Amino acid sequence: MKEKNQNFFFELELEEDQSIKLAFWADARSRAAFEYFGDIISFDTTYNTNRYNLVCGSFVGVNYHGQSTLLGCSLMKNEEIESFKWLFQCWLCCMGGNAPKGFLTDQCASMKRAL
């Protein structure tokens, strides 16, 4: 994908069997939207894993029309502190080291500790 679009960002961490342990990606549109709508972002994960035993997460902002804007996505094998630390470091790297002013999350203890 990076060959087609230099602004596509992704990071992967694989298990020994080459299955996905952690994945993060954001396309060029999402990265550009963060510059405009990234003051306050929300990060949330699915309640349960999917059939591949991965938790799906999304970074979301709100545009000037009050509409949700996708700013990045993730897949995680677990919701441990180290997984969230890895993910949030990828997020910062993707967004040029620019952290949002505010970060909304659920009550996940691991996520709180990682932030």
PDB file of N, CA and C in Angstrom:
ATOM      1  N   MET A   1       0.827  -1.197   0.000  1.00  0.00           N
ATOM      2  CA  MET A   1       0.000   0.000   0.000  1.00  0.00           C
ATOM      3  C   MET A   1       0.871   1.260   0.000  1.00  0.00           C
ATOM      4  N   LYS A   2       1.987   1.198   0.712  1.00  0.00           N
ATOM      5  CA  LYS A   2       2.865   2.362   0.784  1.00  0.00           C
ATOM      6  C   LYS A   2       3.445   2.734  -0.573  1.00  0.00           C
ATOM      7  N   GLU A   3       3.581   1.744  -1.462  1.00  0.00           N
ATOM      8  CA  GLU A   3       4.082   2.035  -2.807  1.00  0.00           C
ATOM      9  C   GLU A   3       3.088   2.905  -3.578  1.00  0.00           C
ATOM     10  N   LYS A   4       1.796   2.703  -3.318  1.00  0.00           N
ATOM     11  CA  LYS A   4       0.755   3.476  -4.006  1.00  0.00           C
ATOM     12  C   LYS A   4       0.551   4.848  -3.380  1.00  0.00           C
ATOM     13  N   ASN A   5       0.769   4.937  -2.062  1.00  0.00           N
ATOM     14  CA  ASN A   5       0.515   6.192  -1.362  1.00  0.00           C
ATOM     15  C   ASN A   5       1.537   6.352  -0.236  1.00  0.00           C
ATOM     16  N   GLN A   6       2.467   7.265  -0.399  1.00  0.00           N
ATOM     17  CA  GLN A   6       3.530   7.477   0.586  1.00  0.00           C
ATOM     18  C   GLN A   6       3.008   7.958   1.937  1.00  0.00           C
ATOM     19  N   ASN A   7       1.792   8.497   1.984  1.00  0.00           N
ATOM     20  CA  ASN A   7       1.228   8.990   3.238  1.00  0.00           C
ATOM     21  C   ASN A   7       0.432   7.936   3.989  1.00  0.00           C
ATOM     22  N   PHE A   8       0.362   6.714   3.449  1.00  0.00           N
ATOM     23  CA  PHE A   8      -0.264   5.609   4.175  1.00  0.00           C
ATOM     24  C   PHE A   8       0.727   5.144   5.237  1.00  0.00           C
ATOM     25  N   PHE A   9       0.256   5.013   6.466  1.00  0.00           N
ATOM     26  CA  PHE A   9       1.125   4.630   7.575  1.00  0.00           C
ATOM     27  C   PHE A   9       0.627   3.329   8.173  1.00  0.00           C
ATOM     28  N   PHE A  10       1.536   2.405   8.441  1.00  0.00           N
ATOM     29  CA  PHE A  10       1.156   1.195   9.158  1.00  0.00           C
ATOM     30  C   PHE A  10       2.347   0.642   9.926  1.00  0.00           C
ATOM     31  N   GLU A  11       2.038  -0.046  11.001  1.00  0.00           N
ATOM     32  CA  GLU A  11       3.032  -0.756  11.806  1.00  0.00           C
ATOM     33  C   GLU A  11       2.427  -2.101  12.181  1.00  0.00           C
ATOM     34  N   LEU A  12       3.248  -3.140  12.152  1.00  0.00           N
ATOM     35  CA  LEU A  12       2.814  -4.486  12.519  1.00  0.00           C
ATOM     36  C   LEU A  12       3.781  -5.090  13.521  1.00  0.00           C
ATOM     37  N   GLU A  13       3.238  -5.854  14.429  1.00  0.00           N
ATOM     38  CA  GLU A  13       4.045  -6.709  15.283  1.00  0.00           C
ATOM     39  C   GLU A  13       3.429  -8.095  15.172  1.00  0.00           C
ATOM     40  N   LEU A  14       4.229  -9.070  14.778  1.00  0.00           N
ATOM     41  CA  LEU A  14       3.731 -10.416  14.523  1.00  0.00           C
ATOM     42  C   LEU A  14       4.152 -11.383  15.623  1.00  0.00           C
ATOM     43  N   GLU A  15       3.341 -12.431  15.794  1.00  0.00           N
ATOM     44  CA  GLU A  15       3.684 -13.531  16.690  1.00  0.00           C
ATOM     45  C   GLU A  15       4.728 -14.407  16.003  1.00  0.00           C
ATOM     46  N   GLU A  16       5.267 -15.383  16.711  1.00  0.00           N
ATOM     47  CA  GLU A  16       6.243 -16.299  16.123  1.00  0.00           C
ATOM     48  C   GLU A  16       5.673 -17.062  14.932  1.00  0.00           C
ATOM     49  N   ASP A  17       4.362 -17.362  14.974  1.00  0.00           N
ATOM     50  CA  ASP A  17       3.732 -18.096  13.867  1.00  0.00           C
ATOM     51  C   ASP A  17       3.283 -17.170  12.731  1.00  0.00           C
ATOM     52  N   GLN A  18       3.732 -15.912  12.781  1.00  0.00           N
ATOM     53  CA  GLN A  18       3.437 -14.890  11.771  1.00  0.00           C
ATOM     54  C   GLN A  18       1.992 -14.389  11.802  1.00  0.00           C
ATOM     55  N   SER A  19       1.243 -14.710  12.851  1.00  0.00           N
ATOM     56  CA  SER A  19      -0.097 -14.139  13.007  1.00  0.00           C
ATOM     57  C   SER A  19       0.042 -12.740  13.608  1.00  0.00           C
ATOM     58  N   ILE A  20      -0.986 -11.932  13.442  1.00  0.00           N
ATOM     59  CA  ILE A  20      -0.944 -10.552  13.933  1.00  0.00           C
ATOM     60  C   ILE A  20      -1.033 -10.518  15.456  1.00  0.00           C
ATOM     61  N   LYS A  21      -0.097  -9.829  16.048  1.00  0.00           N
ATOM     62  CA  LYS A  21      -0.146  -9.540  17.480  1.00  0.00           C
ATOM     63  C   LYS A  21      -0.690  -8.133  17.674  1.00  0.00           C
ATOM     64  N   LEU A  22      -0.128  -7.173  16.939  1.00  0.00           N
ATOM     65  CA  LEU A  22      -0.545  -5.776  16.996  1.00  0.00           C
ATOM     66  C   LEU A  22      -0.446  -5.166  15.608  1.00  0.00           C
ATOM     67  N   ALA A  23      -1.421  -4.372  15.253  1.00  0.00           N
ATOM     68  CA  ALA A  23      -1.392  -3.676  13.963  1.00  0.00           C
ATOM     69  C   ALA A  23      -2.016  -2.302  14.133  1.00  0.00           C
ATOM     70  N   PHE A  24      -1.429  -1.326  13.481  1.00  0.00           N
ATOM     71  CA  PHE A  24      -1.981   0.034  13.449  1.00  0.00           C
ATOM     72  C   PHE A  24      -1.843   0.564  12.037  1.00  0.00           C
ATOM     73  N   TRP A  25      -2.861   1.272  11.556  1.00  0.00           N
ATOM     74  CA  TRP A  25      -2.762   1.904  10.246  1.00  0.00           C
ATOM     75  C   TRP A  25      -3.637   3.150  10.184  1.00  0.00           C
ATOM     76  N   ALA A  26      -3.209   4.073   9.331  1.00  0.00           N
ATOM     77  CA  ALA A  26      -3.964   5.300   9.055  1.00  0.00           C
ATOM     78  C   ALA A  26      -3.653   5.700   7.620  1.00  0.00           C
ATOM     79  N   ASP A  27      -4.679   6.004   6.860  1.00  0.00           N
ATOM     80  CA  ASP A  27      -4.455   6.411   5.472  1.00  0.00           C
ATOM     81  C   ASP A  27      -4.180   7.913   5.402  1.00  0.00           C
ATOM     82  N   ALA A  28      -3.874   8.379   4.208  1.00  0.00           N
ATOM     83  CA  ALA A  28      -3.509   9.792   4.016  1.00  0.00           C
ATOM     84  C   ALA A  28      -4.639  10.726   4.441  1.00  0.00           C
ATOM     85  N   ARG A  29      -5.876  10.366   4.132  1.00  0.00           N
ATOM     86  CA  ARG A  29      -7.029  11.199   4.486  1.00  0.00           C
ATOM     87  C   ARG A  29      -7.164  11.314   6.005  1.00  0.00           C
ATOM     88  N   SER A  30      -6.980  10.200   6.699  1.00  0.00           N
ATOM     89  CA  SER A  30      -7.070  10.205   8.163  1.00  0.00           C
ATOM     90  C   SER A  30      -5.972  11.063   8.784  1.00  0.00           C
ATOM     91  N   ARG A  31      -4.778  10.957   8.239  1.00  0.00           N
ATOM     92  CA  ARG A  31      -3.660  11.743   8.768  1.00  0.00           C
ATOM     93  C   ARG A  31      -3.881  13.234   8.531  1.00  0.00           C
ATOM     94  N   ALA A  32      -4.413  13.593   7.379  1.00  0.00           N
ATOM     95  CA  ALA A  32      -4.706  15.000   7.088  1.00  0.00           C
ATOM     96  C   ALA A  32      -5.841  15.502   7.979  1.00  0.00           C
ATOM     97  N   ALA A  33      -6.855  14.657   8.203  1.00  0.00           N
ATOM     98  CA  ALA A  33      -7.991  15.050   9.039  1.00  0.00           C
ATOM     99  C   ALA A  33      -7.543  15.331  10.470  1.00  0.00           C
ATOM    100  N   PHE A  34      -6.542  14.601  10.946  1.00  0.00           N
ATOM    101  CA  PHE A  34      -6.047  14.830  12.304  1.00  0.00           C
ATOM    102  C   PHE A  34      -5.535  16.256  12.472  1.00  0.00           C
ATOM    103  N   GLU A  35      -4.925  16.802  11.438  1.00  0.00           N
ATOM    104  CA  GLU A  35      -4.420  18.174  11.517  1.00  0.00           C
ATOM    105  C   GLU A  35      -5.544  19.172  11.758  1.00  0.00           C
ATOM    106  N   TYR A  36      -6.733  18.891  11.226  1.00  0.00           N
ATOM    107  CA  TYR A  36      -7.878  19.801  11.369  1.00  0.00           C
ATOM    108  C   TYR A  36      -8.771  19.442  12.552  1.00  0.00           C
ATOM    109  N   PHE A  37      -8.973  18.152  12.788  1.00  0.00           N
ATOM    110  CA  PHE A  37      -9.977  17.712  13.764  1.00  0.00           C
ATOM    111  C   PHE A  37      -9.378  16.876  14.887  1.00  0.00           C
ATOM    112  N   GLY A  38      -8.100  17.053  15.177  1.00  0.00           N
ATOM    113  CA  GLY A  38      -7.429  16.215  16.158  1.00  0.00           C
ATOM    114  C   GLY A  38      -7.260  16.833  17.526  1.00  0.00           C
ATOM    115  N   ASP A  39      -7.993  17.904  17.820  1.00  0.00           N
ATOM    116  CA  ASP A  39      -7.874  18.525  19.147  1.00  0.00           C
ATOM    117  C   ASP A  39      -8.248  17.538  20.250  1.00  0.00           C
ATOM    118  N   ILE A  40      -9.409  16.950  20.090  1.00  0.00           N
ATOM    119  CA  ILE A  40      -9.907  15.948  21.028  1.00  0.00           C
ATOM    120  C   ILE A  40     -10.208  14.703  20.207  1.00  0.00           C
ATOM    121  N   ILE A  41      -9.643  13.576  20.616  1.00  0.00           N
ATOM    122  CA  ILE A  41      -9.950  12.345  19.898  1.00  0.00           C
ATOM    123  C   ILE A  41     -10.461  11.299  20.873  1.00  0.00           C
ATOM    124  N   SER A  42     -11.171  10.346  20.321  1.00  0.00           N
ATOM    125  CA  SER A  42     -11.689   9.230  21.091  1.00  0.00           C
ATOM    126  C   SER A  42     -11.027   7.954  20.597  1.00  0.00           C
ATOM    127  N   PHE A  43     -10.670   7.094  21.521  1.00  0.00           N
ATOM    128  CA  PHE A  43     -10.182   5.770  21.147  1.00  0.00           C
ATOM    129  C   PHE A  43     -11.039   4.750  21.864  1.00  0.00           C
ATOM    130  N   ASP A  44     -11.532   3.779  21.121  1.00  0.00           N
ATOM    131  CA  ASP A  44     -12.367   2.743  21.712  1.00  0.00           C
ATOM    132  C   ASP A  44     -12.073   1.422  21.030  1.00  0.00           C
ATOM    133  N   THR A  45     -12.288   0.347  21.754  1.00  0.00           N
ATOM    134  CA  THR A  45     -12.106  -0.988  21.199  1.00  0.00           C
ATOM    135  C   THR A  45     -13.429  -1.735  21.229  1.00  0.00           C
ATOM    136  N   THR A  46     -13.503  -2.787  20.420  1.00  0.00           N
ATOM    137  CA  THR A  46     -14.699  -3.625  20.414  1.00  0.00           C
ATOM    138  C   THR A  46     -14.841  -4.299  21.772  1.00  0.00           C
ATOM    139  N   TYR A  47     -16.060  -4.641  22.103  1.00  0.00           N
ATOM    140  CA  TYR A  47     -16.326  -5.266  23.403  1.00  0.00           C
ATOM    141  C   TYR A  47     -15.671  -6.641  23.507  1.00  0.00           C
ATOM    142  N   ASN A  48     -15.677  -7.371  22.414  1.00  0.00           N
ATOM    143  CA  ASN A  48     -15.152  -8.723  22.412  1.00  0.00           C
ATOM    144  C   ASN A  48     -14.310  -8.945  21.168  1.00  0.00           C
ATOM    145  N   THR A  49     -13.540  -9.996  21.147  1.00  0.00           N
ATOM    146  CA  THR A  49     -12.726 -10.286  19.971  1.00  0.00           C
ATOM    147  C   THR A  49     -13.583 -10.834  18.843  1.00  0.00           C
ATOM    148  N   ASN A  50     -13.050 -10.743  17.622  1.00  0.00           N
ATOM    149  CA  ASN A  50     -13.752 -11.299  16.474  1.00  0.00           C
ATOM    150  C   ASN A  50     -13.343 -12.756  16.288  1.00  0.00           C
ATOM    151  N   ARG A  51     -13.753 -13.366  15.196  1.00  0.00           N
ATOM    152  CA  ARG A  51     -13.464 -14.790  14.994  1.00  0.00           C
ATOM    153  C   ARG A  51     -11.973 -15.066  14.824  1.00  0.00           C
ATOM    154  N   TYR A  52     -11.183 -14.040  14.596  1.00  0.00           N
ATOM    155  CA  TYR A  52      -9.734 -14.192  14.491  1.00  0.00           C
ATOM    156  C   TYR A  52      -9.039 -13.918  15.822  1.00  0.00           C
ATOM    157  N   ASN A  53      -9.813 -13.759  16.877  1.00  0.00           N
ATOM    158  CA  ASN A  53      -9.289 -13.472  18.217  1.00  0.00           C
ATOM    159  C   ASN A  53      -8.493 -12.177  18.267  1.00  0.00           C
ATOM    160  N   LEU A  54      -8.977 -11.169  17.569  1.00  0.00           N
ATOM    161  CA  LEU A  54      -8.348  -9.852  17.574  1.00  0.00           C
ATOM    162  C   LEU A  54      -9.356  -8.805  18.024  1.00  0.00           C
ATOM    163  N   VAL A  55      -8.893  -7.856  18.803  1.00  0.00           N
ATOM    164  CA  VAL A  55      -9.716  -6.730  19.238  1.00  0.00           C
ATOM    165  C   VAL A  55      -9.500  -5.597  18.242  1.00  0.00           C
ATOM    166  N   CYS A  56     -10.576  -5.008  17.768  1.00  0.00           N
ATOM    167  CA  CYS A  56     -10.499  -3.904  16.806  1.00  0.00           C
ATOM    168  C   CYS A  56     -10.631  -2.579  17.560  1.00  0.00           C
ATOM    169  N   GLY A  57      -9.753  -1.641  17.246  1.00  0.00           N
ATOM    170  CA  GLY A  57      -9.800  -0.327  17.883  1.00  0.00           C
ATOM    171  C   GLY A  57      -9.861   0.772  16.841  1.00  0.00           C
ATOM    172  N   SER A  58     -10.451   1.906  17.215  1.00  0.00           N
ATOM    173  CA  SER A  58     -10.531   3.032  16.276  1.00  0.00           C
ATOM    174  C   SER A  58     -10.239   4.348  16.990  1.00  0.00           C
ATOM    175  N   PHE A  59      -9.489   5.199  16.288  1.00  0.00           N
ATOM    176  CA  PHE A  59      -9.229   6.571  16.714  1.00  0.00           C
ATOM    177  C   PHE A  59     -10.193   7.444  15.926  1.00  0.00           C
ATOM    178  N   VAL A  60     -10.994   8.248  16.619  1.00  0.00           N
ATOM    179  CA  VAL A  60     -12.037   9.032  15.961  1.00  0.00           C
ATOM    180  C   VAL A  60     -11.991  10.479  16.443  1.00  0.00           C
ATOM    181  N   GLY A  61     -12.154  11.410  15.505  1.00  0.00           N
ATOM    182  CA  GLY A  61     -12.287  12.827  15.812  1.00  0.00           C
ATOM    183  C   GLY A  61     -13.659  13.294  15.349  1.00  0.00           C
ATOM    184  N   VAL A  62     -13.962  14.553  15.574  1.00  0.00           N
ATOM    185  CA  VAL A  62     -15.241  15.124  15.142  1.00  0.00           C
ATOM    186  C   VAL A  62     -14.946  16.345  14.285  1.00  0.00           C
ATOM    187  N   ASN A  63     -15.540  16.385  13.080  1.00  0.00           N
ATOM    188  CA  ASN A  63     -15.276  17.508  12.175  1.00  0.00           C
ATOM    189  C   ASN A  63     -16.153  18.710  12.520  1.00  0.00           C
ATOM    190  N   TYR A  64     -16.053  19.769  11.727  1.00  0.00           N
ATOM    191  CA  TYR A  64     -16.778  21.015  11.994  1.00  0.00           C
ATOM    192  C   TYR A  64     -18.285  20.880  11.852  1.00  0.00           C
ATOM    193  N   HIS A  65     -18.740  19.781  11.260  1.00  0.00           N
ATOM    194  CA  HIS A  65     -20.175  19.541  11.081  1.00  0.00           C
ATOM    195  C   HIS A  65     -20.718  18.584  12.139  1.00  0.00           C
ATOM    196  N   GLY A  66     -19.888  18.249  13.111  1.00  0.00           N
ATOM    197  CA  GLY A  66     -20.312  17.337  14.170  1.00  0.00           C
ATOM    198  C   GLY A  66     -20.319  15.878  13.742  1.00  0.00           C
ATOM    199  N   GLN A  67     -19.651  15.567  12.639  1.00  0.00           N
ATOM    200  CA  GLN A  67     -19.616  14.199  12.128  1.00  0.00           C
ATOM    201  C   GLN A  67     -18.343  13.498  12.594  1.00  0.00           C
ATOM    202  N   SER A  68     -18.478  12.217  12.892  1.00  0.00           N
ATOM    203  CA  SER A  68     -17.315  11.416  13.268  1.00  0.00           C
ATOM    204  C   SER A  68     -16.377  11.272  12.082  1.00  0.00           C
ATOM    205  N   THR A  69     -15.085  11.363  12.353  1.00  0.00           N
ATOM    206  CA  THR A  69     -14.056  11.249  11.320  1.00  0.00           C
ATOM    207  C   THR A  69     -13.033  10.221  11.779  1.00  0.00           C
ATOM    208  N   LEU A  70     -12.858   9.171  10.994  1.00  0.00           N
ATOM    209  CA  LEU A  70     -11.914   8.117  11.341  1.00  0.00           C
ATOM    210  C   LEU A  70     -10.487   8.626  11.177  1.00  0.00           C
ATOM    211  N   LEU A  71      -9.680   8.468  12.234  1.00  0.00           N
ATOM    212  CA  LEU A  71      -8.307   8.965  12.229  1.00  0.00           C
ATOM    213  C   LEU A  71      -7.262   7.850  12.284  1.00  0.00           C
ATOM    214  N   GLY A  72      -7.683   6.624  12.472  1.00  0.00           N
ATOM    215  CA  GLY A  72      -6.760   5.494  12.516  1.00  0.00           C
ATOM    216  C   GLY A  72      -7.453   4.262  13.056  1.00  0.00           C
ATOM    217  N   CYS A  73      -6.879   3.087  12.780  1.00  0.00           N
ATOM    218  CA  CYS A  73      -7.462   1.815  13.212  1.00  0.00           C
ATOM    219  C   CYS A  73      -6.383   0.901  13.769  1.00  0.00           C
ATOM    220  N   SER A  74      -6.830  -0.068  14.554  1.00  0.00           N
ATOM    221  CA  SER A  74      -5.880  -1.024  15.113  1.00  0.00           C
ATOM    222  C   SER A  74      -6.517  -2.397  15.268  1.00  0.00           C
ATOM    223  N   LEU A  75      -5.659  -3.396  15.308  1.00  0.00           N
ATOM    224  CA  LEU A  75      -6.023  -4.758  15.692  1.00  0.00           C
ATOM    225  C   LEU A  75      -5.042  -5.175  16.773  1.00  0.00           C
ATOM    226  N   MET A  76      -5.564  -5.800  17.840  1.00  0.00           N
ATOM    227  CA  MET A  76      -4.706  -6.209  18.950  1.00  0.00           C
ATOM    228  C   MET A  76      -5.089  -7.608  19.405  1.00  0.00           C
ATOM    229  N   LYS A  77      -4.090  -8.395  19.740  1.00  0.00           N
ATOM    230  CA  LYS A  77      -4.325  -9.751  20.231  1.00  0.00           C
ATOM    231  C   LYS A  77      -4.865  -9.714  21.661  1.00  0.00           C
ATOM    232  N   ASN A  78      -4.522  -8.672  22.408  1.00  0.00           N
ATOM    233  CA  ASN A  78      -4.971  -8.551  23.793  1.00  0.00           C
ATOM    234  C   ASN A  78      -5.061  -7.074  24.165  1.00  0.00           C
ATOM    235  N   GLU A  79      -5.595  -6.820  25.340  1.00  0.00           N
ATOM    236  CA  GLU A  79      -5.730  -5.440  25.818  1.00  0.00           C
ATOM    237  C   GLU A  79      -4.857  -5.216  27.053  1.00  0.00           C
ATOM    238  N   GLU A  80      -3.609  -5.620  26.947  1.00  0.00           N
ATOM    239  CA  GLU A  80      -2.656  -5.441  28.036  1.00  0.00           C
ATOM    240  C   GLU A  80      -1.991  -4.066  27.930  1.00  0.00           C
ATOM    241  N   ILE A  81      -1.411  -3.617  29.024  1.00  0.00           N
ATOM    242  CA  ILE A  81      -0.780  -2.298  29.072  1.00  0.00           C
ATOM    243  C   ILE A  81       0.256  -2.141  27.969  1.00  0.00           C
ATOM    244  N   GLU A  82       1.114  -3.135  27.786  1.00  0.00           N
ATOM    245  CA  GLU A  82       2.169  -3.049  26.772  1.00  0.00           C
ATOM    246  C   GLU A  82       1.603  -2.923  25.362  1.00  0.00           C
ATOM    247  N   SER A  83       0.468  -3.560  25.114  1.00  0.00           N
ATOM    248  CA  SER A  83      -0.171  -3.448  23.796  1.00  0.00           C
ATOM    249  C   SER A  83      -0.641  -2.021  23.544  1.00  0.00           C
ATOM    250  N   PHE A  84      -1.253  -1.417  24.553  1.00  0.00           N
ATOM    251  CA  PHE A  84      -1.715  -0.037  24.404  1.00  0.00           C
ATOM    252  C   PHE A  84      -0.540   0.936  24.294  1.00  0.00           C
ATOM    253  N   LYS A  85       0.520   0.691  25.047  1.00  0.00           N
ATOM    254  CA  LYS A  85       1.707   1.553  24.931  1.00  0.00           C
ATOM    255  C   LYS A  85       2.250   1.507  23.508  1.00  0.00           C
ATOM    256  N   TRP A  86       2.368   0.304  22.954  1.00  0.00           N
ATOM    257  CA  TRP A  86       2.854   0.140  21.579  1.00  0.00           C
ATOM    258  C   TRP A  86       1.948   0.902  20.613  1.00  0.00           C
ATOM    259  N   LEU A  87       0.644   0.726  20.789  1.00  0.00           N
ATOM    260  CA  LEU A  87      -0.326   1.360  19.901  1.00  0.00           C
ATOM    261  C   LEU A  87      -0.253   2.882  19.976  1.00  0.00           C
ATOM    262  N   PHE A  88      -0.209   3.440  21.168  1.00  0.00           N
ATOM    263  CA  PHE A  88      -0.188   4.895  21.305  1.00  0.00           C
ATOM    264  C   PHE A  88       1.138   5.487  20.822  1.00  0.00           C
ATOM    265  N   GLN A  89       2.220   4.736  20.945  1.00  0.00           N
ATOM    266  CA  GLN A  89       3.500   5.192  20.377  1.00  0.00           C
ATOM    267  C   GLN A  89       3.416   5.222  18.850  1.00  0.00           C
ATOM    268  N   CYS A  90       2.790   4.205  18.256  1.00  0.00           N
ATOM    269  CA  CYS A  90       2.586   4.196  16.799  1.00  0.00           C
ATOM    270  C   CYS A  90       1.740   5.392  16.379  1.00  0.00           C
ATOM    271  N   TRP A  91       0.707   5.676  17.156  1.00  0.00           N
ATOM    272  CA  TRP A  91      -0.175   6.804  16.864  1.00  0.00           C
ATOM    273  C   TRP A  91       0.624   8.109  16.836  1.00  0.00           C
ATOM    274  N   LEU A  92       1.427   8.336  17.858  1.00  0.00           N
ATOM    275  CA  LEU A  92       2.231   9.561  17.920  1.00  0.00           C
ATOM    276  C   LEU A  92       3.213   9.648  16.758  1.00  0.00           C
ATOM    277  N   CYS A  93       3.848   8.554  16.437  1.00  0.00           N
ATOM    278  CA  CYS A  93       4.785   8.531  15.309  1.00  0.00           C
ATOM    279  C   CYS A  93       4.059   8.863  14.009  1.00  0.00           C
ATOM    280  N   CYS A  94       2.904   8.263  13.810  1.00  0.00           N
ATOM    281  CA  CYS A  94       2.102   8.495  12.607  1.00  0.00           C
ATOM    282  C   CYS A  94       1.705   9.958  12.471  1.00  0.00           C
ATOM    283  N   MET A  95       1.380  10.583  13.573  1.00  0.00           N
ATOM    284  CA  MET A  95       0.897  11.961  13.556  1.00  0.00           C
ATOM    285  C   MET A  95       2.019  12.971  13.801  1.00  0.00           C
ATOM    286  N   GLY A  96       3.239  12.576  13.511  1.00  0.00           N
ATOM    287  CA  GLY A  96       4.375  13.495  13.598  1.00  0.00           C
ATOM    288  C   GLY A  96       4.727  13.925  15.005  1.00  0.00           C
ATOM    289  N   GLY A  97       4.378  13.106  15.994  1.00  0.00           N
ATOM    290  CA  GLY A  97       4.685  13.438  17.381  1.00  0.00           C
ATOM    291  C   GLY A  97       3.701  14.406  18.010  1.00  0.00           C
ATOM    292  N   ASN A  98       2.642  14.765  17.279  1.00  0.00           N
ATOM    293  CA  ASN A  98       1.646  15.718  17.785  1.00  0.00           C
ATOM    294  C   ASN A  98       0.554  14.986  18.552  1.00  0.00           C
ATOM    295  N   ALA A  99       0.535  15.168  19.850  1.00  0.00           N
ATOM    296  CA  ALA A  99      -0.493  14.550  20.683  1.00  0.00           C
ATOM    297  C   ALA A  99      -1.742  15.424  20.678  1.00  0.00           C
ATOM    298  N   PRO A 100      -2.922  14.816  20.775  1.00  0.00           N
ATOM    299  CA  PRO A 100      -4.141  15.625  20.870  1.00  0.00           C
ATOM    300  C   PRO A 100      -4.194  16.345  22.218  1.00  0.00           C
ATOM    301  N   LYS A 101      -4.994  17.401  22.285  1.00  0.00           N
ATOM    302  CA  LYS A 101      -5.152  18.140  23.541  1.00  0.00           C
ATOM    303  C   LYS A 101      -5.955  17.333  24.553  1.00  0.00           C
ATOM    304  N   GLY A 102      -6.868  16.518  24.042  1.00  0.00           N
ATOM    305  CA  GLY A 102      -7.704  15.689  24.896  1.00  0.00           C
ATOM    306  C   GLY A 102      -7.890  14.313  24.295  1.00  0.00           C
ATOM    307  N   PHE A 103      -8.069  13.325  25.165  1.00  0.00           N
ATOM    308  CA  PHE A 103      -8.165  11.942  24.734  1.00  0.00           C
ATOM    309  C   PHE A 103      -9.310  11.290  25.498  1.00  0.00           C
ATOM    310  N   LEU A 104     -10.362  10.873  24.815  1.00  0.00           N
ATOM    311  CA  LEU A 104     -11.501  10.216  25.446  1.00  0.00           C
ATOM    312  C   LEU A 104     -11.367   8.710  25.284  1.00  0.00           C
ATOM    313  N   THR A 105     -11.542   7.977  26.389  1.00  0.00           N
ATOM    314  CA  THR A 105     -11.480   6.521  26.352  1.00  0.00           C
ATOM    315  C   THR A 105     -12.584   5.965  27.237  1.00  0.00           C
ATOM    316  N   ASP A 106     -12.696   4.637  27.242  1.00  0.00           N
ATOM    317  CA  ASP A 106     -13.629   4.014  28.174  1.00  0.00           C
ATOM    318  C   ASP A 106     -12.917   3.808  29.515  1.00  0.00           C
ATOM    319  N   GLN A 107     -13.447   2.976  30.350  1.00  0.00           N
ATOM    320  CA  GLN A 107     -12.885   2.785  31.688  1.00  0.00           C
ATOM    321  C   GLN A 107     -11.851   1.662  31.763  1.00  0.00           C
ATOM    322  N   CYS A 108     -11.248   1.295  30.643  1.00  0.00           N
ATOM    323  CA  CYS A 108     -10.261   0.218  30.589  1.00  0.00           C
ATOM    324  C   CYS A 108      -9.019   0.608  31.403  1.00  0.00           C
ATOM    325  N   ALA A 109      -8.717  -0.163  32.445  1.00  0.00           N
ATOM    326  CA  ALA A 109      -7.585   0.153  33.323  1.00  0.00           C
ATOM    327  C   ALA A 109      -6.251   0.090  32.581  1.00  0.00           C
ATOM    328  N   SER A 110      -6.092  -0.878  31.691  1.00  0.00           N
ATOM    329  CA  SER A 110      -4.839  -0.999  30.926  1.00  0.00           C
ATOM    330  C   SER A 110      -4.618   0.218  30.047  1.00  0.00           C
ATOM    331  N   MET A 111      -5.692   0.690  29.438  1.00  0.00           N
ATOM    332  CA  MET A 111      -5.588   1.853  28.560  1.00  0.00           C
ATOM    333  C   MET A 111      -5.206   3.094  29.368  1.00  0.00           C
ATOM    334  N   LYS A 112      -5.815   3.265  30.514  1.00  0.00           N
ATOM    335  CA  LYS A 112      -5.497   4.412  31.373  1.00  0.00           C
ATOM    336  C   LYS A 112      -4.022   4.411  31.763  1.00  0.00           C
ATOM    337  N   ARG A 113      -3.510   3.256  32.124  1.00  0.00           N
ATOM    338  CA  ARG A 113      -2.104   3.168  32.534  1.00  0.00           C
ATOM    339  C   ARG A 113      -1.163   3.441  31.378  1.00  0.00           C
ATOM    340  N   ALA A 114      -1.546   3.012  30.178  1.00  0.00           N
ATOM    341  CA  ALA A 114      -0.696   3.219  29.001  1.00  0.00           C
ATOM    342  C   ALA A 114      -0.615   4.693  28.634  1.00  0.00           C
ATOM    343  N   LEU A 115      -1.714   5.433  28.856  1.00  0.00           N
ATOM    344  CA  LEU A 115      -1.722   6.859  28.529  1.00  0.00           C
ATOM    345  C   LEU A 115      -0.973   7.646  29.583  1.00  0.00           C
TER     346      LEU A 115
END
